Amino acid sequence: MNKKTKTKGLGDVVKNVTEVLGIEQCDGCIKRQEILNNILPFGTKDNIISDDDKGVLNRIKGTDVKSSTDRHYLFSLYNRVFQTKLKVCQCQDQINDMIEKLLNQDVE
């Protein structure tokens, strides 16, 4: 475990615990880590979009977001940043608009 890595949220805590237990991360674990860090971040302002958030947004930008995990992450991030209560849906036009709005948000 790298002690110099800053714990960003609950996802990092779960990762560190499983790492100590000798459990290796799979792709699902990494997605869970991103989601949990987004849902319960440590020491961040609600409207800040982290570099990790931007990485996820850029990865899914311009794609047909079919992954339930990606949709939940996007809606959770959007609701946190813009203090809304949008429910997760599969409307691609809305998803594209949300991604653009988040990427154009200048809060850091």
Protein backbone atom coordinates (compact mmCIF):
# COMPACT_ATOMS: atom_id res chain seq x y z
CA MET A 1 0.00 0.00 0.00
CA ASN A 2 1.37 3.40 -0.98
CA LYS A 3 1.14 5.64 2.09
CA LYS A 4 1.80 8.81 0.04
CA THR A 5 -1.37 8.42 -2.03
CA LYS A 6 -4.08 10.75 -0.72
CA THR A 7 -7.32 9.03 0.24
CA LYS A 8 -9.97 10.75 -1.88
CA GLY A 9 -13.02 9.02 -0.49
CA LEU A 10 -14.74 5.85 0.67
CA GLY A 11 -13.69 3.97 -2.47
CA ASP A 12 -10.03 4.45 -1.60
CA VAL A 13 -10.67 3.20 1.94
CA VAL A 14 -12.30 0.00 0.60
CA LYS A 15 -9.42 -0.45 -1.86
CA ASN A 16 -6.83 -0.05 0.90
CA VAL A 17 -8.59 -2.56 3.16
CA THR A 18 -8.95 -5.16 0.40
CA GLU A 19 -5.32 -4.59 -0.61
CA VAL A 20 -4.19 -5.29 2.97
CA LEU A 21 -6.28 -8.47 2.90
CA GLY A 22 -4.50 -9.55 -0.28
CA ILE A 23 -7.49 -9.11 -2.60
CA GLU A 24 -6.48 -7.85 -6.05
CA GLN A 25 -8.58 -5.24 -7.85
CA CYS A 26 -10.55 -6.20 -10.95
CA ASP A 27 -12.27 -3.80 -13.39
CA GLY A 28 -15.45 -3.94 -11.29
CA CYS A 29 -13.48 -3.04 -8.17
CA ILE A 30 -11.99 -0.01 -9.91
CA LYS A 31 -15.44 1.18 -11.02
CA ARG A 32 -16.77 0.64 -7.49
CA GLN A 33 -13.85 2.66 -6.13
CA GLU A 34 -14.68 5.57 -8.48
CA ILE A 35 -18.36 5.47 -7.57
CA LEU A 36 -17.75 5.31 -3.82
CA ASN A 37 -15.17 8.12 -4.00
CA ASN A 38 -17.74 10.20 -5.85
CA ILE A 39 -20.59 9.41 -3.47
CA LEU A 40 -18.54 10.02 -0.31
CA PRO A 41 -15.48 12.15 -1.04
CA PHE A 42 -13.18 13.24 1.78
CA GLY A 43 -12.16 16.87 2.20
CA THR A 44 -13.55 18.21 -1.06
CA LYS A 45 -16.09 20.84 -1.91
CA ASP A 46 -19.32 19.48 -3.36
CA ASN A 47 -18.97 21.32 -6.64
CA ILE A 48 -15.37 20.32 -7.41
CA ILE A 49 -14.81 17.98 -10.32
CA SER A 50 -11.60 16.04 -9.72
CA ASP A 51 -9.13 14.90 -12.35
CA ASP A 52 -10.49 11.37 -11.83
CA ASP A 53 -14.02 12.65 -12.49
CA LYS A 54 -12.80 14.37 -15.67
CA GLY A 55 -11.09 11.15 -16.73
CA VAL A 56 -14.33 9.19 -16.42
CA LEU A 57 -16.29 11.94 -18.22
CA ASN A 58 -13.78 12.03 -21.07
CA ARG A 59 -13.85 8.21 -21.30
CA ILE A 60 -17.63 8.09 -21.71
CA LYS A 61 -17.99 11.32 -23.71
CA GLY A 62 -19.27 10.69 -27.22
CA THR A 63 -20.17 7.08 -26.49
CA ASP A 64 -23.50 5.36 -26.02
CA VAL A 65 -23.39 5.01 -22.24
CA LYS A 66 -24.80 1.54 -21.69
CA SER A 67 -23.00 0.65 -18.48
CA SER A 68 -25.25 1.00 -15.46
CA THR A 69 -22.19 1.79 -13.37
CA ASP A 70 -21.18 4.68 -15.64
CA ARG A 71 -24.73 6.08 -15.65
CA HIS A 72 -24.99 5.95 -11.86
CA TYR A 73 -21.58 7.57 -11.53
CA LEU A 74 -22.54 10.34 -13.97
CA PHE A 75 -25.87 11.10 -12.31
CA SER A 76 -24.34 11.03 -8.82
CA LEU A 77 -21.56 13.41 -9.91
CA TYR A 78 -23.99 15.73 -11.70
CA ASN A 79 -26.39 15.82 -8.74
CA ARG A 80 -23.52 16.57 -6.33
CA VAL A 81 -21.95 19.31 -8.45
CA PHE A 82 -25.17 21.05 -9.46
CA GLN A 83 -27.17 20.15 -6.32
CA THR A 84 -29.97 18.51 -8.27
CA LYS A 85 -31.90 15.31 -7.73
CA LEU A 86 -32.06 13.87 -11.23
CA LYS A 87 -32.96 10.21 -11.41
CA VAL A 88 -30.82 7.84 -13.43
CA CYS A 89 -32.20 7.29 -16.91
CA GLN A 90 -31.02 5.98 -20.26
CA CYS A 91 -31.78 9.10 -22.32
CA GLN A 92 -28.59 9.54 -24.32
CA ASP A 93 -29.32 13.19 -25.21
CA GLN A 94 -29.64 14.07 -21.52
CA ILE A 95 -26.51 12.09 -20.69
CA ASN A 96 -24.52 13.90 -23.41
CA ASP A 97 -25.77 17.28 -22.15
CA MET A 98 -24.81 16.39 -18.58
CA ILE A 99 -21.30 15.32 -19.62
CA GLU A 100 -20.76 18.55 -21.58
CA LYS A 101 -22.04 20.69 -18.72
CA LEU A 102 -19.79 18.90 -16.21
CA LEU A 103 -16.71 19.15 -18.44
CA ASN A 104 -17.35 22.87 -19.00
CA GLN A 105 -17.83 23.50 -15.26
CA ASP A 106 -14.98 25.70 -14.06
CA VAL A 107 -14.88 25.13 -10.32
CA GLU A 108 -11.36 23.93 -9.50
